[in-house]
Amino acid sequence: MSNNQEIHAKFSKTLLHPRHWLTWLGIGIFYTLVLLPYPIIYQLGKSLGLLGQKVMTKRRETARQNLQLCFPHLSVNEREKLLRENFISTGLAIFETGMAWFWSDKRLKKHSCIIGDEFITQVQKNKQGVLLIGIHFLTLELGARILGMNHPGVGVYRPNDNPVLDYVQLKGRLKSNKYMLDRHNTKGMIRALKNGEIVWYAPDHDYGRKNSVFAPFFAVDKAATTVGTSILVKLGKPVIIPFTPKRELEGQYVVKVAMPIQDFPLNDDVAAATFMNKVIEQEILQAKEQYMWLHRRFKTRPQGEPSLYTTLVQKH
């Protein structure tokens, strides 16, 4: 598949090959589970998350270290409580992904609301593109579907190596997107923004040394941060709007759309990365237990500097 094209979900008879039958069976079971009443889904997700905390030892340690690096002012007990809540959210995220892909609009609307979507409406009236900053909350898949019911846009994703899972993923995401783009298709994103589309973008992970600069992120003074935001803003000239999908009590999901970002620094990549990291921090603090702390956010270090994770392992 070319990186330079719009991606749509296309069914092929090859997806019915016997080698894919187990995958289809798993999807069928998963589909059945996410159609259950929400209280049952919640308990299943919570149990799965707590089991994951016990058995996913490497991921657990990564999350623990990330929390220690970002929130050194919290006590050990406070961070351990946050870690437990984060794993519960991780288990729930699996089912929330299924909810995003398989639930009807009618059912989703009963469990969700959007605050601030008038900011997107106003920008679209002016026929300007929107760079929608959707950082890696565990609720992101569901939040994007909820927002997309009102404001369908252009999704950015990484193709799955399994063709059946890739098809199901695309089919689910296209319920709230006009089409998808490969995450490496920068030209496609710029073209969509120039055409006044909404493009989802996540600049909060460590994507390696290439096309990155080091900027502060929470208590870490040198975090590898993509310069992709600067490129898209310079060339696509969109309005930058962050949004936070948050799981509330009683099975309610609130998608909060923030005011458009002003004064984004265009001529200094480090200043721009620092600026964007501050925006991301404020979004995370709205529901930090629901953020994807299992990712090795600080794996890339400046030349000659030791791994932060190795140092923490030795101290732990």
Protein backbone atom coordinates (compact mmCIF):
# COMPACT_ATOMS: atom_id res chain seq x y z
CA MET A 1 0.00 0.00 0.00
CA SER A 2 1.34 3.41 -0.95
CA ASN A 3 1.78 5.98 1.79
CA ASN A 4 0.65 8.72 -0.60
CA GLN A 5 -3.01 7.88 -0.99
CA GLU A 6 -6.32 8.12 0.79
CA ILE A 7 -7.05 4.85 2.56
CA HIS A 8 -10.52 3.29 2.61
CA ALA A 9 -11.69 -0.09 3.91
CA LYS A 10 -11.89 -2.56 1.02
CA PHE A 11 -13.05 -6.11 1.60
CA SER A 12 -11.20 -8.84 -0.27
CA LYS A 13 -12.01 -12.55 -0.61
CA THR A 14 -8.47 -13.28 0.60
CA LEU A 15 -9.62 -12.18 4.08
CA LEU A 16 -11.74 -15.36 4.19
CA HIS A 17 -8.73 -17.67 3.75
CA PRO A 18 -8.61 -20.43 6.40
CA ARG A 19 -5.46 -18.92 7.91
CA HIS A 20 -7.62 -15.99 9.04
CA TRP A 21 -10.44 -18.03 10.60
CA LEU A 22 -9.09 -17.83 14.14
CA THR A 23 -8.77 -14.07 13.81
CA TRP A 24 -12.39 -13.81 12.64
CA LEU A 25 -13.48 -16.03 15.54
CA GLY A 26 -11.71 -13.75 18.01
CA ILE A 27 -13.33 -10.69 16.44
CA GLY A 28 -16.74 -12.36 16.64
CA ILE A 29 -16.31 -13.08 20.36
CA PHE A 30 -15.06 -9.54 20.97
CA TYR A 31 -18.00 -8.09 19.01
CA THR A 32 -20.43 -10.08 21.16
CA LEU A 33 -18.82 -8.88 24.39
CA VAL A 34 -18.97 -5.18 23.50
CA LEU A 35 -22.70 -5.49 22.78
CA LEU A 36 -23.32 -6.44 26.43
CA PRO A 37 -24.78 -3.87 28.88
CA TYR A 38 -22.23 -1.24 29.86
CA PRO A 39 -21.97 -2.25 33.57
CA ILE A 40 -20.85 -5.73 32.48
CA ILE A 41 -18.39 -4.25 29.97
CA TYR A 42 -16.97 -2.04 32.74
CA GLN A 43 -16.42 -4.96 35.11
CA LEU A 44 -14.81 -7.04 32.35
CA GLY A 45 -12.47 -4.18 31.44
CA LYS A 46 -11.56 -3.48 35.06
CA SER A 47 -10.78 -7.16 35.71
CA LEU A 48 -8.70 -7.37 32.55
CA GLY A 49 -6.75 -4.28 33.54
CA LEU A 50 -5.98 -5.55 37.05
CA LEU A 51 -4.88 -8.87 35.55
CA GLY A 52 -2.65 -6.96 33.14
CA GLN A 53 -1.00 -5.14 36.04
CA LYS A 54 0.00 -8.50 37.51
CA VAL A 55 1.24 -10.22 34.36
CA MET A 56 2.55 -7.37 32.16
CA THR A 57 5.67 -6.86 34.23
CA LYS A 58 7.71 -4.88 31.68
CA ARG A 59 4.84 -2.58 30.82
CA ARG A 60 4.06 -2.13 34.50
CA GLU A 61 7.62 -1.08 35.18
CA THR A 62 7.62 1.32 32.23
CA ALA A 63 4.42 2.97 33.45
CA ARG A 64 5.75 3.15 37.01
CA GLN A 65 8.96 4.79 35.83
CA ASN A 66 7.12 7.26 33.60
CA LEU A 67 5.00 8.33 36.56
CA GLN A 68 8.11 8.70 38.72
CA LEU A 69 9.84 10.79 36.05
CA CYS A 70 6.84 13.05 35.38
CA PHE A 71 5.46 13.40 38.92
CA PRO A 72 8.40 13.19 41.34
CA HIS A 73 6.48 15.41 43.78
CA LEU A 74 3.89 12.67 44.36
CA SER A 75 4.48 10.14 47.12
CA VAL A 76 5.17 6.49 46.28
CA ASN A 77 1.69 5.55 47.50
CA GLU A 78 0.09 8.24 45.32
CA ARG A 79 1.95 7.02 42.25
CA GLU A 80 1.08 3.38 42.97
CA LYS A 81 -2.60 4.32 43.26
CA LEU A 82 -2.31 6.17 39.95
CA LEU A 83 -0.59 3.14 38.43
CA ARG A 84 -3.45 0.85 39.48
CA GLU A 85 -6.05 3.25 38.08
CA ASN A 86 -4.04 3.46 34.86
CA PHE A 87 -4.07 -0.31 34.38
CA ILE A 88 -7.82 -0.38 34.99
CA SER A 89 -8.14 2.26 32.26
CA THR A 90 -5.91 0.14 30.00
CA GLY A 91 -8.24 -2.85 30.40
CA LEU A 92 -11.27 -0.66 29.76
CA ALA A 93 -9.59 0.82 26.68
CA ILE A 94 -9.70 -2.55 24.94
CA PHE A 95 -13.48 -2.69 25.28
CA GLU A 96 -13.83 1.03 24.52
CA THR A 97 -12.08 0.39 21.23
CA GLY A 98 -14.75 -2.18 20.44
CA MET A 99 -17.43 0.30 21.49
CA ALA A 100 -15.93 2.84 19.08
CA TRP A 101 -15.89 0.37 16.20
CA PHE A 102 -19.13 -1.55 16.75
CA TRP A 103 -21.62 0.56 18.71
CA SER A 104 -24.33 2.45 16.86
CA ASP A 105 -24.44 6.25 16.91
CA LYS A 106 -27.68 6.03 18.91
CA ARG A 107 -26.13 3.96 21.70
CA LEU A 108 -22.99 6.08 21.83
CA LYS A 109 -24.99 9.29 22.15
CA LYS A 110 -26.64 7.89 25.28
CA HIS A 111 -23.22 7.52 26.91
CA SER A 112 -21.47 10.66 25.70
CA CYS A 113 -21.46 14.40 25.24
CA ILE A 114 -19.20 16.98 23.60
CA ILE A 115 -18.23 20.26 25.21
CA GLY A 116 -16.79 23.05 23.07
CA ASP A 117 -17.42 21.68 19.60
CA GLU A 118 -18.56 25.17 18.57
CA PHE A 119 -14.85 26.02 18.28
CA ILE A 120 -14.52 23.48 15.45
CA THR A 121 -17.78 24.61 13.86
CA GLN A 122 -16.60 28.22 13.71
CA VAL A 123 -13.28 27.32 12.07
CA GLN A 124 -15.01 25.15 9.49
CA LYS A 125 -17.40 27.98 8.63
CA ASN A 126 -14.31 29.95 7.68
CA LYS A 127 -13.20 27.02 5.49
CA GLN A 128 -9.92 26.68 7.38
CA GLY A 129 -8.32 23.37 8.25
CA VAL A 130 -8.21 22.07 11.83
CA LEU A 131 -5.18 20.28 13.27
CA LEU A 132 -6.92 18.31 15.99
CA ILE A 133 -4.44 17.48 18.74
CA GLY A 134 -5.66 14.12 20.02
CA ILE A 135 -2.97 12.87 22.37
CA HIS A 136 -2.71 9.24 23.42
CA PHE A 137 -5.41 8.94 26.02
CA LEU A 138 -6.57 5.37 26.49
CA THR A 139 -10.04 6.67 25.61
CA LEU A 140 -8.80 8.19 22.35
CA GLU A 141 -10.40 5.67 19.98
CA LEU A 142 -13.81 6.18 21.54
CA GLY A 143 -13.34 9.93 21.88
CA ALA A 144 -12.49 10.24 18.18
CA ARG A 145 -15.64 8.30 17.25
CA ILE A 146 -17.81 10.49 19.49
CA LEU A 147 -16.35 13.71 18.09
CA GLY A 148 -16.49 12.36 14.55
CA MET A 149 -20.25 11.88 14.76
CA ASN A 150 -20.50 15.68 14.72
CA HIS A 151 -17.30 16.54 12.88
CA PRO A 152 -16.03 13.81 10.53
CA GLY A 153 -12.44 14.40 9.56
CA VAL A 154 -9.32 12.67 8.28
CA GLY A 155 -7.75 10.00 10.49
CA VAL A 156 -4.06 9.21 10.72
CA TYR A 157 -3.08 5.64 11.54
CA ARG A 158 -0.49 2.88 11.38
CA PRO A 159 -1.62 -0.07 9.22
CA ASN A 160 -1.91 -3.37 11.09
CA ASP A 161 0.26 -6.25 9.89
CA ASN A 162 -2.71 -8.61 10.13
CA PRO A 163 -4.94 -7.86 7.09
CA VAL A 164 -8.15 -8.88 8.88
CA LEU A 165 -7.43 -6.66 11.89
CA ASP A 166 -6.42 -3.86 9.53
CA TYR A 167 -9.74 -4.16 7.68
CA VAL A 168 -11.80 -4.19 10.90
CA GLN A 169 -9.78 -1.27 12.29
CA LEU A 170 -10.30 0.77 9.12
CA LYS A 171 -14.00 -0.11 8.96
CA GLY A 172 -14.44 1.03 12.56
CA ARG A 173 -12.48 4.24 12.22
CA LEU A 174 -14.21 5.23 9.00
CA LYS A 175 -17.45 5.54 10.96
CA SER A 176 -16.11 8.92 12.12
CA ASN A 177 -13.64 9.78 9.35
CA LYS A 178 -14.00 10.58 5.66
CA TYR A 179 -10.85 8.60 4.91
CA MET A 180 -7.58 7.56 6.57
CA LEU A 181 -3.95 8.47 5.90
CA ASP A 182 -0.82 6.52 6.71
CA ARG A 183 0.94 8.26 9.61
CA HIS A 184 4.00 8.86 7.38
CA ASN A 185 1.94 10.63 4.70
CA THR A 186 2.82 14.21 5.66
CA LYS A 187 1.95 15.51 2.18
CA GLY A 188 -1.52 14.01 2.46
CA MET A 189 -2.07 15.68 5.84
CA ILE A 190 -0.95 19.06 4.49
CA ARG A 191 -3.21 18.69 1.45
CA ALA A 192 -6.19 17.82 3.68
CA LEU A 193 -5.54 20.82 5.94
CA LYS A 194 -5.32 23.15 2.95
CA ASN A 195 -8.67 21.76 1.81
CA GLY A 196 -10.25 22.75 5.11
CA GLU A 197 -10.42 19.25 6.60
CA ILE A 198 -10.04 18.19 10.24
CA VAL A 199 -6.86 16.13 10.64
CA TRP A 200 -6.24 14.18 13.83
CA TYR A 201 -2.61 14.34 14.99
CA ALA A 202 -0.78 13.02 18.07
CA PRO A 203 2.57 14.72 18.81
CA ASP A 204 2.98 13.31 22.33
CA HIS A 205 4.93 10.06 21.84
CA ASP A 206 8.65 9.44 21.42
CA TYR A 207 9.01 8.81 17.68
CA GLY A 208 12.80 8.53 17.71
CA ARG A 209 15.65 10.91 16.98
CA LYS A 210 14.76 11.63 13.36
CA ASN A 211 12.68 14.81 12.92
CA SER A 212 12.67 15.41 16.68
CA VAL A 213 14.11 17.95 19.09
CA PHE A 214 14.58 17.77 22.85
CA ALA A 215 12.15 19.83 24.90
CA PRO A 216 10.86 19.76 28.50
CA PHE A 217 7.93 17.49 29.31
CA PHE A 218 6.62 17.56 32.87
CA ALA A 219 9.69 17.08 35.13
CA VAL A 220 11.90 15.68 32.34
CA ASP A 221 13.92 18.53 30.84
CA LYS A 222 14.93 16.72 27.64
CA ALA A 223 12.15 14.69 26.00
CA ALA A 224 12.40 13.78 22.32
CA THR A 225 9.51 15.65 20.70
CA THR A 226 8.44 15.54 17.06
CA VAL A 227 8.76 18.65 14.88
CA GLY A 228 5.81 17.37 12.85
CA THR A 229 3.44 19.86 14.43
CA SER A 230 5.60 22.74 13.19
CA ILE A 231 5.73 21.30 9.67
CA LEU A 232 1.97 20.83 9.46
CA VAL A 233 1.23 24.30 10.85
CA LYS A 234 3.74 26.06 8.58
CA LEU A 235 2.61 24.35 5.39
CA GLY A 236 -1.04 23.51 6.05
CA LYS A 237 -1.88 26.75 7.91
CA PRO A 238 -4.57 25.17 10.10
CA VAL A 239 -6.08 26.25 13.38
CA ILE A 240 -4.71 24.08 16.21
CA ILE A 241 -7.39 22.68 18.52
CA PRO A 242 -6.71 20.12 21.30
CA PHE A 243 -9.39 17.76 22.55
CA THR A 244 -9.58 15.51 25.61
CA PRO A 245 -11.78 12.38 25.72
CA LYS A 246 -12.47 11.60 29.38
CA ARG A 247 -14.24 8.66 31.00
CA GLU A 248 -16.54 9.89 33.73
CA LEU A 249 -18.44 7.89 36.34
CA GLU A 250 -21.55 5.88 35.46
CA GLY A 251 -20.38 5.08 31.94
CA GLN A 252 -20.43 8.62 30.60
CA TYR A 253 -17.75 9.89 28.23
CA VAL A 254 -17.10 13.60 27.89
CA VAL A 255 -15.13 14.93 24.92
CA LYS A 256 -13.84 18.39 25.76
CA VAL A 257 -12.75 20.53 22.81
CA ALA A 258 -10.39 23.31 23.85
CA MET A 259 -10.21 26.83 22.48
CA PRO A 260 -7.98 27.26 19.41
CA ILE A 261 -4.33 27.68 20.31
CA GLN A 262 -2.91 31.15 19.84
CA ASP A 263 0.68 32.34 19.33
CA PHE A 264 2.17 29.03 18.22
CA PRO A 265 5.91 29.73 17.58
CA LEU A 266 6.61 29.08 13.90
CA ASN A 267 10.28 29.97 13.55
CA ASP A 268 11.89 27.92 16.32
CA ASP A 269 11.42 24.14 16.45
CA VAL A 270 12.55 23.82 20.08
CA ALA A 271 10.26 26.67 21.18
CA ALA A 272 7.39 25.08 19.22
CA ALA A 273 8.01 21.65 20.79
CA THR A 274 8.20 23.20 24.25
CA PHE A 275 4.98 25.10 23.59
CA MET A 276 3.17 21.99 22.39
CA ASN A 277 4.42 19.88 25.31
CA LYS A 278 2.91 22.45 27.68
CA VAL A 279 -0.41 22.11 25.86
CA ILE A 280 -0.18 18.32 26.11
CA GLU A 281 0.61 18.51 29.83
CA GLN A 282 -2.54 20.52 30.48
CA GLU A 283 -4.60 17.97 28.56
CA ILE A 284 -3.07 15.03 30.48
CA LEU A 285 -3.70 16.66 33.86
CA GLN A 286 -7.43 16.61 33.15
CA ALA A 287 -7.39 12.80 33.45
CA LYS A 288 -3.83 11.61 34.05
CA GLU A 289 -4.94 8.12 35.10
CA GLN A 290 -6.41 7.70 31.60
CA TYR A 291 -3.22 8.54 29.70
CA MET A 292 -1.06 5.91 27.96
CA TRP A 293 1.80 5.68 30.46
CA LEU A 294 2.79 2.21 29.21
CA HIS A 295 4.67 3.79 26.30
CA ARG A 296 8.42 4.39 26.77
CA ARG A 297 8.03 8.14 26.34
CA PHE A 298 11.65 8.94 27.21
CA LYS A 299 13.52 6.14 25.45
CA THR A 300 15.40 8.50 23.08
CA ARG A 301 18.12 10.48 24.85
CA PRO A 302 20.59 13.12 23.70
CA GLN A 303 23.88 11.69 22.43
CA GLY A 304 26.00 10.44 25.32
CA GLU A 305 23.26 10.57 27.96
CA PRO A 306 22.26 7.32 29.75
CA SER A 307 18.79 5.81 29.59
CA LEU A 308 16.45 7.28 32.16
CA TYR A 309 14.80 3.90 32.52
CA THR A 310 18.04 2.09 33.34
CA THR A 311 18.78 4.68 36.01
CA LEU A 312 15.36 4.27 37.57
CA VAL A 313 15.54 0.48 37.52
CA GLN A 314 18.75 0.67 39.52
CA LYS A 315 17.13 2.97 42.07
CA HIS A 316 13.88 0.99 42.36
